[in-house]
Protein backbone atom coordinates (compact mmCIF):
# COMPACT_ATOMS: atom_id res chain seq x y z
CA MET A 1 -46.75 0.79 -248.51
CA ASN A 2 -42.79 1.12 -248.96
CA ASN A 3 -41.29 4.23 -250.33
CA LYS A 4 -40.19 2.44 -253.81
CA LYS A 5 -43.47 1.54 -254.26
CA ALA A 6 -44.88 5.22 -253.35
CA LEU A 7 -42.50 6.67 -255.45
CA LYS A 8 -43.29 4.70 -258.89
CA ILE A 9 -46.89 5.71 -258.26
CA VAL A 10 -46.20 9.33 -257.48
CA ASN A 11 -43.53 8.94 -260.27
CA ILE A 12 -46.49 8.02 -262.84
CA LEU A 13 -48.92 10.66 -261.56
CA LEU A 14 -46.18 13.38 -261.89
CA PHE A 15 -45.48 12.37 -265.43
CA VAL A 16 -49.40 12.44 -266.34
CA ASP A 17 -49.74 15.71 -264.73
CA PHE A 18 -46.95 16.95 -266.53
CA LEU A 19 -48.31 15.93 -269.74
CA ILE A 20 -51.48 17.53 -269.10
CA VAL A 21 -50.39 20.90 -268.10
CA PHE A 22 -47.81 20.94 -271.22
CA ILE A 23 -50.83 20.30 -273.38
CA THR A 24 -52.86 22.83 -272.10
CA ALA A 25 -50.55 25.52 -271.91
CA LEU A 26 -49.96 24.64 -276.02
CA PHE A 27 -53.70 25.13 -276.47
CA ASN A 28 -54.47 27.67 -274.00
CA GLU A 29 -55.77 29.97 -276.88
CA VAL A 30 -58.29 27.25 -277.63
CA LEU A 31 -59.43 26.62 -273.97
CA LYS A 32 -59.58 30.03 -272.67
CA PRO A 33 -62.55 30.91 -274.84
CA MET A 34 -64.35 27.62 -273.69
CA GLY A 35 -63.61 28.26 -270.28
CA LEU A 36 -61.67 25.29 -269.62
CA TYR A 37 -58.49 26.46 -269.38
CA LYS A 38 -58.36 27.31 -265.59
CA GLN A 39 -59.87 23.58 -265.03
CA LEU A 40 -57.51 21.87 -267.20
CA HIS A 41 -54.20 24.21 -266.78
CA ALA A 42 -54.00 25.76 -263.11
CA LEU A 43 -55.64 23.16 -261.12
CA PRO A 44 -53.39 20.04 -262.51
CA GLY A 45 -50.19 22.91 -262.18
CA PHE A 46 -51.24 23.26 -258.41
CA LEU A 47 -51.32 19.06 -257.92
CA MET A 48 -47.92 19.11 -259.68
CA VAL A 49 -46.49 20.96 -257.21
CA ILE A 50 -47.68 19.20 -254.46
CA LEU A 51 -46.35 15.73 -256.48
CA ALA A 52 -43.23 17.08 -256.81
CA LEU A 53 -42.78 17.89 -253.20
CA THR A 54 -44.01 14.27 -252.21
CA HIS A 55 -41.27 13.23 -254.75
CA VAL A 56 -38.72 15.29 -253.00
CA TYR A 57 -39.53 13.91 -249.64
CA LEU A 58 -39.60 10.41 -251.01
CA ASN A 59 -36.10 10.61 -252.33
CA LYS A 60 -34.72 12.52 -249.14
CA GLU A 61 -32.21 9.92 -248.59
CA TRP A 62 -31.08 9.83 -252.17
CA ILE A 63 -30.90 13.42 -251.93
CA LYS A 64 -28.99 12.99 -248.46
CA ASN A 65 -26.46 10.31 -249.73
CA ASN A 66 -25.60 12.18 -253.25
CA MET A 67 -25.65 15.93 -252.20
CA PHE A 68 -24.32 15.95 -248.63
């Protein structure tokens, strides 16, 4: 799989994951008593870090060309 195709997939996953984290943060008072907050917020938060690092890695050439 080439970088462009992988980056498109990572970008979509990163966007969806961001929405999950954002929405669960808004509804944390509802989710905490039900015991769902950790599964629906913290775990996608860790996934977001991994996806963000992958996103930066796939864009390393662009970063190198535009920043240095």
